[in-house]
């Protein structure tokens, strides 16, 4: 198998795993969402620290030299933890479609944040894509009577996370290790308090629940590692197409497995987002083919997800 084909396989596996996440977290719907998040934070830190120590010749001082960078990683660690927690809560409270919508919106949010904070210009196609997304969200809010706060919370928290990571420009492995280590302390405090009060899922001996909670770190980190391998081997165009596997998987699971309501408001909203993403993707491919686009740092924007 060629390196490019290996990259496609890694990318497909990565996004398929992310797309199947609702099935995993719903197995833990009897556990409080905050406790699931705390376990995810704790065991991700253990997994990343073990992985980091296993990589030869990699030292934190080689990649993170300034105290300010450690403080910024505290901010990004808080953001990604919020994103994880909101996603888990959404899955276990019947908002799988809203979470899917959030990750469909995310690429357009990245464009908007780049325009506001990085001075990146919007061309006509990007402007139309953003307006279509805005129209879909507004229609959903007015017709359905609910503001899609879960969708926008997921899209903007991950978008801001990616923006800050891009501005820092740090190697992903040590950066993620520090982020998860920052978050490990509050996770440990929370889990200890829950256990002492007798309200933790660990107080009752349920081997399957224990196993699912302990594996939360590996489940989080493995697709990130697969993504890194894919980003090294395949083109941005290929990654762009594969990116939509994840929210599509969530969308199908929400409709066909958990039978969430799909109203006319959902149809119009998703239709606007899909139309905007189609325009955005075609424009991206065109710019790559003509050599007019800057090479984006994909691994720094998307390497940490769900």
C-alpha atoms as a PDB file:
ATOM      1  CA  UNK A   1       0.000   0.000   0.000  1.00  0.00           C
ATOM      2  CA  UNK A   2       1.343   3.427  -0.950  1.00  0.00           C
ATOM      3  CA  UNK A   3       1.853   6.134   1.673  1.00  0.00           C
ATOM      4  CA  UNK A   4      -0.993   8.141   0.139  1.00  0.00           C
ATOM      5  CA  UNK A   5      -3.391   5.204   0.369  1.00  0.00           C
ATOM      6  CA  UNK A   6      -2.275   4.610   3.954  1.00  0.00           C
ATOM      7  CA  UNK A   7      -3.102   8.241   4.660  1.00  0.00           C
ATOM      8  CA  UNK A   8      -6.584   7.826   3.198  1.00  0.00           C
ATOM      9  CA  UNK A   9      -7.125   4.747   5.355  1.00  0.00           C
ATOM     10  CA  UNK A  10      -5.911   6.531   8.504  1.00  0.00           C
ATOM     11  CA  UNK A  11      -8.142   9.512   7.755  1.00  0.00           C
ATOM     12  CA  UNK A  12     -11.199   7.380   7.027  1.00  0.00           C
ATOM     13  CA  UNK A  13     -10.707   5.395  10.245  1.00  0.00           C
ATOM     14  CA  UNK A  14     -10.264   8.597  12.230  1.00  0.00           C
ATOM     15  CA  UNK A  15     -13.440  10.246  10.990  1.00  0.00           C
ATOM     16  CA  UNK A  16     -15.429   7.011  11.208  1.00  0.00           C
ATOM     17  CA  UNK A  17     -14.467   6.695  14.883  1.00  0.00           C
ATOM     18  CA  UNK A  18     -15.507  10.296  15.533  1.00  0.00           C
ATOM     19  CA  UNK A  19     -18.745   9.676  13.634  1.00  0.00           C
ATOM     20  CA  UNK A  20     -19.512   6.654  15.820  1.00  0.00           C
ATOM     21  CA  UNK A  21     -18.846   8.505  19.092  1.00  0.00           C
ATOM     22  CA  UNK A  22     -22.589   8.893  19.874  1.00  0.00           C
ATOM     23  CA  UNK A  23     -22.886   5.116  20.164  1.00  0.00           C
ATOM     24  CA  UNK A  24     -20.027   5.001  22.687  1.00  0.00           C
ATOM     25  CA  UNK A  25     -21.173   7.866  24.904  1.00  0.00           C
ATOM     26  CA  UNK A  26     -24.786   6.675  24.898  1.00  0.00           C
ATOM     27  CA  UNK A  27     -23.575   3.457  26.539  1.00  0.00           C
ATOM     28  CA  UNK A  28     -22.776   5.732  29.482  1.00  0.00           C
ATOM     29  CA  UNK A  29     -26.029   7.701  29.508  1.00  0.00           C
ATOM     30  CA  UNK A  30     -26.711   6.407  33.022  1.00  0.00           C
ATOM     31  CA  UNK A  31     -23.593   8.258  34.237  1.00  0.00           C
ATOM     32  CA  UNK A  32     -23.639  11.997  34.914  1.00  0.00           C
ATOM     33  CA  UNK A  33     -22.187  13.927  31.944  1.00  0.00           C
ATOM     34  CA  UNK A  34     -19.760  15.831  34.184  1.00  0.00           C
ATOM     35  CA  UNK A  35     -18.403  12.576  35.576  1.00  0.00           C
ATOM     36  CA  UNK A  36     -17.926  11.186  32.057  1.00  0.00           C
ATOM     37  CA  UNK A  37     -16.072  14.393  31.138  1.00  0.00           C
ATOM     38  CA  UNK A  38     -13.878  14.137  34.241  1.00  0.00           C
ATOM     39  CA  UNK A  39     -12.916  10.569  33.345  1.00  0.00           C
ATOM     40  CA  UNK A  40     -12.222  11.621  29.765  1.00  0.00           C
ATOM     41  CA  UNK A  41      -9.941  14.422  31.010  1.00  0.00           C
ATOM     42  CA  UNK A  42      -8.164  12.183  33.533  1.00  0.00           C
ATOM     43  CA  UNK A  43      -7.528   9.168  31.321  1.00  0.00           C
ATOM     44  CA  UNK A  44      -6.621  11.318  28.316  1.00  0.00           C
ATOM     45  CA  UNK A  45      -3.899  12.873  30.472  1.00  0.00           C
ATOM     46  CA  UNK A  46      -2.646   9.448  31.528  1.00  0.00           C
ATOM     47  CA  UNK A  47      -2.692   8.215  27.914  1.00  0.00           C
ATOM     48  CA  UNK A  48      -0.925  11.305  26.517  1.00  0.00           C
ATOM     49  CA  UNK A  49       1.684  11.402  29.305  1.00  0.00           C
ATOM     50  CA  UNK A  50       2.469   7.729  28.709  1.00  0.00           C
ATOM     51  CA  UNK A  51       2.680   8.296  24.964  1.00  0.00           C
ATOM     52  CA  UNK A  52       4.820  11.407  25.369  1.00  0.00           C
ATOM     53  CA  UNK A  53       7.303   9.668  27.687  1.00  0.00           C
ATOM     54  CA  UNK A  54       7.507   6.815  25.196  1.00  0.00           C
ATOM     55  CA  UNK A  55       8.634   9.108  22.368  1.00  0.00           C
ATOM     56  CA  UNK A  56      12.406   9.244  22.306  1.00  0.00           C
ATOM     57  CA  UNK A  57      14.227  12.555  22.365  1.00  0.00           C
ATOM     58  CA  UNK A  58      11.050  14.590  22.951  1.00  0.00           C
ATOM     59  CA  UNK A  59      11.228  17.039  25.851  1.00  0.00           C
ATOM     60  CA  UNK A  60       8.736  19.722  26.805  1.00  0.00           C
ATOM     61  CA  UNK A  61      11.463  22.375  26.955  1.00  0.00           C
ATOM     62  CA  UNK A  62      12.266  21.745  23.310  1.00  0.00           C
ATOM     63  CA  UNK A  63       8.749  22.747  22.264  1.00  0.00           C
ATOM     64  CA  UNK A  64       7.268  24.862  25.062  1.00  0.00           C
ATOM     65  CA  UNK A  65       9.829  27.338  26.356  1.00  0.00           C
ATOM     66  CA  UNK A  66       7.845  30.312  27.659  1.00  0.00           C
ATOM     67  CA  UNK A  67       5.641  30.455  30.796  1.00  0.00           C
ATOM     68  CA  UNK A  68       3.068  32.366  28.724  1.00  0.00           C
ATOM     69  CA  UNK A  69       2.682  29.305  26.482  1.00  0.00           C
ATOM     70  CA  UNK A  70       1.829  27.118  29.460  1.00  0.00           C
ATOM     71  CA  UNK A  71      -0.851  29.638  30.505  1.00  0.00           C
ATOM     72  CA  UNK A  72      -2.247  29.703  26.970  1.00  0.00           C
ATOM     73  CA  UNK A  73      -2.397  25.901  27.038  1.00  0.00           C
ATOM     74  CA  UNK A  74      -4.445  26.209  30.227  1.00  0.00           C
ATOM     75  CA  UNK A  75      -6.916  28.328  28.233  1.00  0.00           C
ATOM     76  CA  UNK A  76      -6.995  25.925  25.273  1.00  0.00           C
ATOM     77  CA  UNK A  77      -7.268  22.953  27.616  1.00  0.00           C
ATOM     78  CA  UNK A  78     -10.291  24.578  29.239  1.00  0.00           C
ATOM     79  CA  UNK A  79     -11.839  25.235  25.816  1.00  0.00           C
ATOM     80  CA  UNK A  80     -11.393  21.685  24.560  1.00  0.00           C
ATOM     81  CA  UNK A  81     -12.732  20.314  27.858  1.00  0.00           C
ATOM     82  CA  UNK A  82     -15.807  22.522  27.482  1.00  0.00           C
ATOM     83  CA  UNK A  83     -16.212  21.210  23.923  1.00  0.00           C
ATOM     84  CA  UNK A  84     -15.912  17.603  25.085  1.00  0.00           C
ATOM     85  CA  UNK A  85     -18.352  18.162  27.951  1.00  0.00           C
ATOM     86  CA  UNK A  86     -20.960  19.906  25.796  1.00  0.00           C
ATOM     87  CA  UNK A  87     -20.692  17.132  23.202  1.00  0.00           C
ATOM     88  CA  UNK A  88     -21.167  14.370  25.787  1.00  0.00           C
ATOM     89  CA  UNK A  89     -24.118  16.219  27.339  1.00  0.00           C
ATOM     90  CA  UNK A  90     -25.704  16.729  23.907  1.00  0.00           C
ATOM     91  CA  UNK A  91     -25.348  13.063  22.955  1.00  0.00           C
ATOM     92  CA  UNK A  92     -26.809  11.781  26.217  1.00  0.00           C
ATOM     93  CA  UNK A  93     -29.683  14.273  26.266  1.00  0.00           C
ATOM     94  CA  UNK A  94     -31.078  13.704  22.782  1.00  0.00           C
ATOM     95  CA  UNK A  95     -29.279  16.428  20.819  1.00  0.00           C
ATOM     96  CA  UNK A  96     -27.282  14.286  18.402  1.00  0.00           C
ATOM     97  CA  UNK A  97     -28.614  16.214  15.387  1.00  0.00           C
ATOM     98  CA  UNK A  98     -27.593  19.520  16.944  1.00  0.00           C
ATOM     99  CA  UNK A  99     -24.100  18.168  17.631  1.00  0.00           C
ATOM    100  CA  UNK A 100     -23.889  16.979  14.017  1.00  0.00           C
ATOM    101  CA  UNK A 101     -24.956  20.429  12.827  1.00  0.00           C
ATOM    102  CA  UNK A 102     -22.252  21.997  15.000  1.00  0.00           C
ATOM    103  CA  UNK A 103     -19.484  20.068  13.276  1.00  0.00           C
ATOM    104  CA  UNK A 104     -20.949  20.825   9.850  1.00  0.00           C
ATOM    105  CA  UNK A 105     -20.848  24.531  10.765  1.00  0.00           C
ATOM    106  CA  UNK A 106     -17.309  24.375  12.180  1.00  0.00           C
ATOM    107  CA  UNK A 107     -15.373  24.834   8.884  1.00  0.00           C
ATOM    108  CA  UNK A 108     -17.402  27.969   8.151  1.00  0.00           C
ATOM    109  CA  UNK A 109     -16.804  29.252  11.698  1.00  0.00           C
ATOM    110  CA  UNK A 110     -13.058  28.804  11.092  1.00  0.00           C
ATOM    111  CA  UNK A 111     -13.348  31.015   8.008  1.00  0.00           C
ATOM    112  CA  UNK A 112     -15.224  33.661  10.009  1.00  0.00           C
ATOM    113  CA  UNK A 113     -12.681  33.639  12.847  1.00  0.00           C
ATOM    114  CA  UNK A 114      -9.844  33.891  10.341  1.00  0.00           C
ATOM    115  CA  UNK A 115     -11.522  36.950   8.845  1.00  0.00           C
ATOM    116  CA  UNK A 116     -12.060  38.644  12.221  1.00  0.00           C
ATOM    117  CA  UNK A 117      -8.824  37.798  14.049  1.00  0.00           C
ATOM    118  CA  UNK A 118      -6.236  36.939  11.390  1.00  0.00           C
ATOM    119  CA  UNK A 119      -7.123  39.492   8.747  1.00  0.00           C
ATOM    120  CA  UNK A 120      -7.919  36.816   6.168  1.00  0.00           C
ATOM    121  CA  UNK A 121     -10.100  38.096   3.340  1.00  0.00           C
ATOM    122  CA  UNK A 122     -13.355  36.447   2.351  1.00  0.00           C
ATOM    123  CA  UNK A 123     -13.925  35.851  -1.343  1.00  0.00           C
ATOM    124  CA  UNK A 124     -17.375  35.747  -2.901  1.00  0.00           C
ATOM    125  CA  UNK A 125     -17.835  31.993  -2.477  1.00  0.00           C
ATOM    126  CA  UNK A 126     -16.861  32.077   1.211  1.00  0.00           C
ATOM    127  CA  UNK A 127     -19.197  35.012   1.839  1.00  0.00           C
ATOM    128  CA  UNK A 128     -22.109  33.186   0.185  1.00  0.00           C
ATOM    129  CA  UNK A 129     -21.330  30.037   2.210  1.00  0.00           C
ATOM    130  CA  UNK A 130     -21.350  32.004   5.474  1.00  0.00           C
ATOM    131  CA  UNK A 131     -24.596  33.794   4.574  1.00  0.00           C
ATOM    132  CA  UNK A 132     -26.246  30.467   3.748  1.00  0.00           C
ATOM    133  CA  UNK A 133     -25.152  29.073   7.118  1.00  0.00           C
ATOM    134  CA  UNK A 134     -26.476  32.178   8.885  1.00  0.00           C
ATOM    135  CA  UNK A 135     -29.779  31.930   6.987  1.00  0.00           C
ATOM    136  CA  UNK A 136     -30.150  28.274   7.997  1.00  0.00           C
ATOM    137  CA  UNK A 137     -29.504  29.005  11.686  1.00  0.00           C
ATOM    138  CA  UNK A 138     -31.910  31.980  11.672  1.00  0.00           C
ATOM    139  CA  UNK A 139     -34.658  29.958   9.966  1.00  0.00           C
ATOM    140  CA  UNK A 140     -34.218  27.145  12.471  1.00  0.00           C
ATOM    141  CA  UNK A 141     -34.397  29.591  15.383  1.00  0.00           C
ATOM    142  CA  UNK A 142     -37.534  31.358  14.116  1.00  0.00           C
ATOM    143  CA  UNK A 143     -39.482  28.361  12.797  1.00  0.00           C
ATOM    144  CA  UNK A 144     -38.496  25.719  15.356  1.00  0.00           C
ATOM    145  CA  UNK A 145     -38.575  28.217  18.219  1.00  0.00           C
ATOM    146  CA  UNK A 146     -35.206  27.157  19.640  1.00  0.00           C
ATOM    147  CA  UNK A 147     -31.832  28.764  19.207  1.00  0.00           C
ATOM    148  CA  UNK A 148     -29.321  25.991  18.266  1.00  0.00           C
ATOM    149  CA  UNK A 149     -27.053  26.870  21.169  1.00  0.00           C
ATOM    150  CA  UNK A 150     -25.554  23.363  21.309  1.00  0.00           C
ATOM    151  CA  UNK A 151     -24.547  23.498  17.631  1.00  0.00           C
ATOM    152  CA  UNK A 152     -23.029  26.969  17.870  1.00  0.00           C
ATOM    153  CA  UNK A 153     -21.404  26.181  21.225  1.00  0.00           C
ATOM    154  CA  UNK A 154     -19.624  23.172  19.712  1.00  0.00           C
ATOM    155  CA  UNK A 155     -18.674  25.011  16.511  1.00  0.00           C
ATOM    156  CA  UNK A 156     -17.338  28.166  18.176  1.00  0.00           C
ATOM    157  CA  UNK A 157     -15.583  26.485  21.118  1.00  0.00           C
ATOM    158  CA  UNK A 158     -13.685  24.220  18.731  1.00  0.00           C
ATOM    159  CA  UNK A 159     -13.128  27.051  16.264  1.00  0.00           C
ATOM    160  CA  UNK A 160     -11.632  29.345  18.929  1.00  0.00           C
ATOM    161  CA  UNK A 161      -9.566  26.421  20.206  1.00  0.00           C
ATOM    162  CA  UNK A 162      -8.155  25.903  16.713  1.00  0.00           C
ATOM    163  CA  UNK A 163      -7.514  29.634  16.313  1.00  0.00           C
ATOM    164  CA  UNK A 164      -5.493  29.829  19.527  1.00  0.00           C
ATOM    165  CA  UNK A 165      -3.561  26.652  18.716  1.00  0.00           C
ATOM    166  CA  UNK A 166      -2.694  28.026  15.290  1.00  0.00           C
ATOM    167  CA  UNK A 167      -1.457  31.311  16.751  1.00  0.00           C
ATOM    168  CA  UNK A 168       0.741  29.427  19.263  1.00  0.00           C
ATOM    169  CA  UNK A 169       2.228  27.185  16.569  1.00  0.00           C
ATOM    170  CA  UNK A 170       3.293  24.414  18.978  1.00  0.00           C
ATOM    171  CA  UNK A 171       3.929  20.753  18.240  1.00  0.00           C
ATOM    172  CA  UNK A 172       0.608  18.948  18.729  1.00  0.00           C
ATOM    173  CA  UNK A 173       1.812  16.049  20.916  1.00  0.00           C
ATOM    174  CA  UNK A 174       3.498  18.034  23.736  1.00  0.00           C
ATOM    175  CA  UNK A 175       0.791  20.719  23.532  1.00  0.00           C
ATOM    176  CA  UNK A 176      -2.027  18.185  23.965  1.00  0.00           C
ATOM    177  CA  UNK A 177      -0.058  16.501  26.765  1.00  0.00           C
ATOM    178  CA  UNK A 178       0.202  19.782  28.704  1.00  0.00           C
ATOM    179  CA  UNK A 179      -3.473  20.620  28.062  1.00  0.00           C
ATOM    180  CA  UNK A 180      -4.665  17.287  29.421  1.00  0.00           C
ATOM    181  CA  UNK A 181      -2.277  17.484  32.407  1.00  0.00           C
ATOM    182  CA  UNK A 182      -3.719  20.914  33.260  1.00  0.00           C
ATOM    183  CA  UNK A 183      -7.206  19.426  33.189  1.00  0.00           C
ATOM    184  CA  UNK A 184      -6.261  16.300  35.143  1.00  0.00           C
ATOM    185  CA  UNK A 185      -6.162  18.141  38.504  1.00  0.00           C
ATOM    186  CA  UNK A 186      -9.760  19.459  38.493  1.00  0.00           C
ATOM    187  CA  UNK A 187     -10.892  16.093  37.112  1.00  0.00           C
ATOM    188  CA  UNK A 188      -9.225  14.259  40.002  1.00  0.00           C
ATOM    189  CA  UNK A 189     -10.729  16.659  42.561  1.00  0.00           C
ATOM    190  CA  UNK A 190     -14.215  16.256  41.081  1.00  0.00           C
ATOM    191  CA  UNK A 191     -14.008  12.455  40.894  1.00  0.00           C
ATOM    192  CA  UNK A 192     -12.675  12.219  44.460  1.00  0.00           C
ATOM    193  CA  UNK A 193     -15.523  14.361  45.794  1.00  0.00           C
ATOM    194  CA  UNK A 194     -18.082  12.312  43.862  1.00  0.00           C
ATOM    195  CA  UNK A 195     -16.631   9.051  45.162  1.00  0.00           C
ATOM    196  CA  UNK A 196     -16.532  10.276  48.780  1.00  0.00           C
ATOM    197  CA  UNK A 197     -20.187  11.398  48.550  1.00  0.00           C
ATOM    198  CA  UNK A 198     -21.136   7.981  47.177  1.00  0.00           C
ATOM    199  CA  UNK A 199     -22.588   9.443  43.979  1.00  0.00           C
ATOM    200  CA  UNK A 200     -19.888   8.253  41.589  1.00  0.00           C
ATOM    201  CA  UNK A 201     -20.466   5.522  39.045  1.00  0.00           C
ATOM    202  CA  UNK A 202     -17.386   3.878  40.533  1.00  0.00           C
ATOM    203  CA  UNK A 203     -19.209   3.357  43.870  1.00  0.00           C
ATOM    204  CA  UNK A 204     -21.273   0.581  42.333  1.00  0.00           C
ATOM    205  CA  UNK A 205     -19.352  -2.326  40.900  1.00  0.00           C
ATOM    206  CA  UNK A 206     -20.357  -2.390  37.236  1.00  0.00           C
ATOM    207  CA  UNK A 207     -17.453  -3.845  35.206  1.00  0.00           C
ATOM    208  CA  UNK A 208     -18.766  -2.576  31.841  1.00  0.00           C
ATOM    209  CA  UNK A 209     -19.231   0.984  33.123  1.00  0.00           C
ATOM    210  CA  UNK A 210     -15.787   0.951  34.725  1.00  0.00           C
ATOM    211  CA  UNK A 211     -14.220  -0.309  31.495  1.00  0.00           C
ATOM    212  CA  UNK A 212     -15.982   2.300  29.329  1.00  0.00           C
ATOM    213  CA  UNK A 213     -14.903   5.114  31.662  1.00  0.00           C
ATOM    214  CA  UNK A 214     -11.293   3.945  31.853  1.00  0.00           C
ATOM    215  CA  UNK A 215     -11.104   3.603  28.067  1.00  0.00           C
ATOM    216  CA  UNK A 216     -12.338   7.182  27.569  1.00  0.00           C
ATOM    217  CA  UNK A 217      -8.762   8.451  27.314  1.00  0.00           C
ATOM    218  CA  UNK A 218      -7.716   5.969  24.640  1.00  0.00           C
ATOM    219  CA  UNK A 219     -10.977   6.525  22.738  1.00  0.00           C
ATOM    220  CA  UNK A 220     -10.175  10.241  22.733  1.00  0.00           C
ATOM    221  CA  UNK A 221      -6.497   9.964  21.778  1.00  0.00           C
ATOM    222  CA  UNK A 222      -6.487   7.174  19.174  1.00  0.00           C
ATOM    223  CA  UNK A 223      -8.458   9.051  16.482  1.00  0.00           C
ATOM    224  CA  UNK A 224      -6.235  12.084  17.117  1.00  0.00           C
ATOM    225  CA  UNK A 225      -3.172   9.976  16.377  1.00  0.00           C
ATOM    226  CA  UNK A 226      -4.799   8.543  13.247  1.00  0.00           C
ATOM    227  CA  UNK A 227      -5.603  12.075  12.126  1.00  0.00           C
ATOM    228  CA  UNK A 228      -1.969  13.097  12.561  1.00  0.00           C
ATOM    229  CA  UNK A 229      -0.820  10.184  10.406  1.00  0.00           C
ATOM    230  CA  UNK A 230      -3.391  11.069   7.736  1.00  0.00           C
ATOM    231  CA  UNK A 231      -2.429  14.760   7.689  1.00  0.00           C
ATOM    232  CA  UNK A 232       1.190  13.821   6.997  1.00  0.00           C
ATOM    233  CA  UNK A 233       0.313  11.731   3.922  1.00  0.00           C
ATOM    234  CA  UNK A 234      -2.681  13.105   2.036  1.00  0.00           C
ATOM    235  CA  UNK A 235      -3.737  16.390   0.483  1.00  0.00           C
ATOM    236  CA  UNK A 236      -5.935  19.072   1.998  1.00  0.00           C
ATOM    237  CA  UNK A 237      -8.612  18.288  -0.595  1.00  0.00           C
ATOM    238  CA  UNK A 238      -8.808  14.666   0.529  1.00  0.00           C
ATOM    239  CA  UNK A 239      -8.906  15.687   4.193  1.00  0.00           C
ATOM    240  CA  UNK A 240     -11.636  18.197   3.405  1.00  0.00           C
ATOM    241  CA  UNK A 241     -13.885  15.536   1.926  1.00  0.00           C
ATOM    242  CA  UNK A 242     -13.160  13.050   4.708  1.00  0.00           C
ATOM    243  CA  UNK A 243     -13.969  15.716   7.300  1.00  0.00           C
ATOM    244  CA  UNK A 244     -17.691  15.419   6.590  1.00  0.00           C
ATOM    245  CA  UNK A 245     -17.741  11.680   7.361  1.00  0.00           C
ATOM    246  CA  UNK A 246     -17.889  12.438  11.101  1.00  0.00           C
ATOM    247  CA  UNK A 247     -20.952  14.745  11.296  1.00  0.00           C
ATOM    248  CA  UNK A 248     -22.686  12.642   8.626  1.00  0.00           C
ATOM    249  CA  UNK A 249     -22.225   9.568  10.811  1.00  0.00           C
ATOM    250  CA  UNK A 250     -23.638  11.451  13.789  1.00  0.00           C
ATOM    251  CA  UNK A 251     -26.538  12.686  11.668  1.00  0.00           C
ATOM    252  CA  UNK A 252     -27.458   9.167  10.475  1.00  0.00           C
ATOM    253  CA  UNK A 253     -27.152   7.729  13.994  1.00  0.00           C
ATOM    254  CA  UNK A 254     -29.412  10.451  15.386  1.00  0.00           C
ATOM    255  CA  UNK A 255     -32.077   9.808  12.731  1.00  0.00           C
ATOM    256  CA  UNK A 256     -32.017   6.029  12.295  1.00  0.00           C
ATOM    257  CA  UNK A 257     -30.653   4.649  15.580  1.00  0.00           C
ATOM    258  CA  UNK A 258     -32.057   7.028  18.193  1.00  0.00           C
ATOM    259  CA  UNK A 259     -34.953   8.286  16.032  1.00  0.00           C
ATOM    260  CA  UNK A 260     -34.593  11.954  16.859  1.00  0.00           C
ATOM    261  CA  UNK A 261     -37.240  14.227  15.370  1.00  0.00           C
ATOM    262  CA  UNK A 262     -36.274  15.683  11.984  1.00  0.00           C
ATOM    263  CA  UNK A 263     -38.612  18.567  11.223  1.00  0.00           C
ATOM    264  CA  UNK A 264     -38.967  20.940   8.281  1.00  0.00           C
ATOM    265  CA  UNK A 265     -36.898  23.448  10.273  1.00  0.00           C
ATOM    266  CA  UNK A 266     -34.098  20.857  10.544  1.00  0.00           C
ATOM    267  CA  UNK A 267     -34.356  20.150   6.812  1.00  0.00           C
ATOM    268  CA  UNK A 268     -34.069  23.815   5.819  1.00  0.00           C
ATOM    269  CA  UNK A 269     -31.266  24.480   8.297  1.00  0.00           C
ATOM    270  CA  UNK A 270     -29.222  21.438   7.291  1.00  0.00           C
ATOM    271  CA  UNK A 271     -29.960  22.140   3.619  1.00  0.00           C
ATOM    272  CA  UNK A 272     -28.538  25.662   3.905  1.00  0.00           C
ATOM    273  CA  UNK A 273     -25.454  24.367   5.732  1.00  0.00           C
ATOM    274  CA  UNK A 274     -24.894  21.594   3.178  1.00  0.00           C
ATOM    275  CA  UNK A 275     -25.280  24.071   0.302  1.00  0.00           C
ATOM    276  CA  UNK A 276     -22.820  26.444   1.957  1.00  0.00           C
ATOM    277  CA  UNK A 277     -20.320  23.632   2.566  1.00  0.00           C
ATOM    278  CA  UNK A 278     -20.637  22.511  -1.069  1.00  0.00           C
ATOM    279  CA  UNK A 279     -19.785  26.015  -2.275  1.00  0.00           C
ATOM    280  CA  UNK A 280     -16.973  26.287   0.274  1.00  0.00           C
ATOM    281  CA  UNK A 281     -15.462  22.904  -0.700  1.00  0.00           C
ATOM    282  CA  UNK A 282     -15.643  23.575  -4.453  1.00  0.00           C
ATOM    283  CA  UNK A 283     -13.976  26.956  -3.916  1.00  0.00           C
ATOM    284  CA  UNK A 284     -11.225  25.343  -1.810  1.00  0.00           C
ATOM    285  CA  UNK A 285     -10.545  22.712  -4.493  1.00  0.00           C
ATOM    286  CA  UNK A 286     -10.458  25.391  -7.198  1.00  0.00           C
ATOM    287  CA  UNK A 287      -7.930  27.479  -5.261  1.00  0.00           C
ATOM    288  CA  UNK A 288      -5.726  24.474  -4.585  1.00  0.00           C
ATOM    289  CA  UNK A 289      -5.713  23.508  -8.264  1.00  0.00           C
ATOM    290  CA  UNK A 290      -4.827  27.048  -9.338  1.00  0.00           C
ATOM    291  CA  UNK A 291      -2.206  27.390  -6.611  1.00  0.00           C
ATOM    292  CA  UNK A 292      -3.798  30.509  -5.133  1.00  0.00           C
ATOM    293  CA  UNK A 293      -4.511  29.233  -1.648  1.00  0.00           C
ATOM    294  CA  UNK A 294      -2.184  29.305   1.278  1.00  0.00           C
ATOM    295  CA  UNK A 295      -1.348  25.938   2.703  1.00  0.00           C
ATOM    296  CA  UNK A 296      -3.379  25.664   5.905  1.00  0.00           C
ATOM    297  CA  UNK A 297      -1.968  24.091   9.044  1.00  0.00           C
ATOM    298  CA  UNK A 298      -4.624  21.397   9.237  1.00  0.00           C
ATOM    299  CA  UNK A 299      -3.075  19.400  12.032  1.00  0.00           C
ATOM    300  CA  UNK A 300      -3.041  22.414  14.337  1.00  0.00           C
ATOM    301  CA  UNK A 301      -6.649  23.352  13.703  1.00  0.00           C
ATOM    302  CA  UNK A 302      -8.374  20.003  13.733  1.00  0.00           C
ATOM    303  CA  UNK A 303      -6.073  17.646  15.484  1.00  0.00           C
ATOM    304  CA  UNK A 304      -7.949  17.765  18.796  1.00  0.00           C
ATOM    305  CA  UNK A 305     -11.674  16.871  18.463  1.00  0.00           C
ATOM    306  CA  UNK A 306     -14.767  15.384  20.015  1.00  0.00           C
END
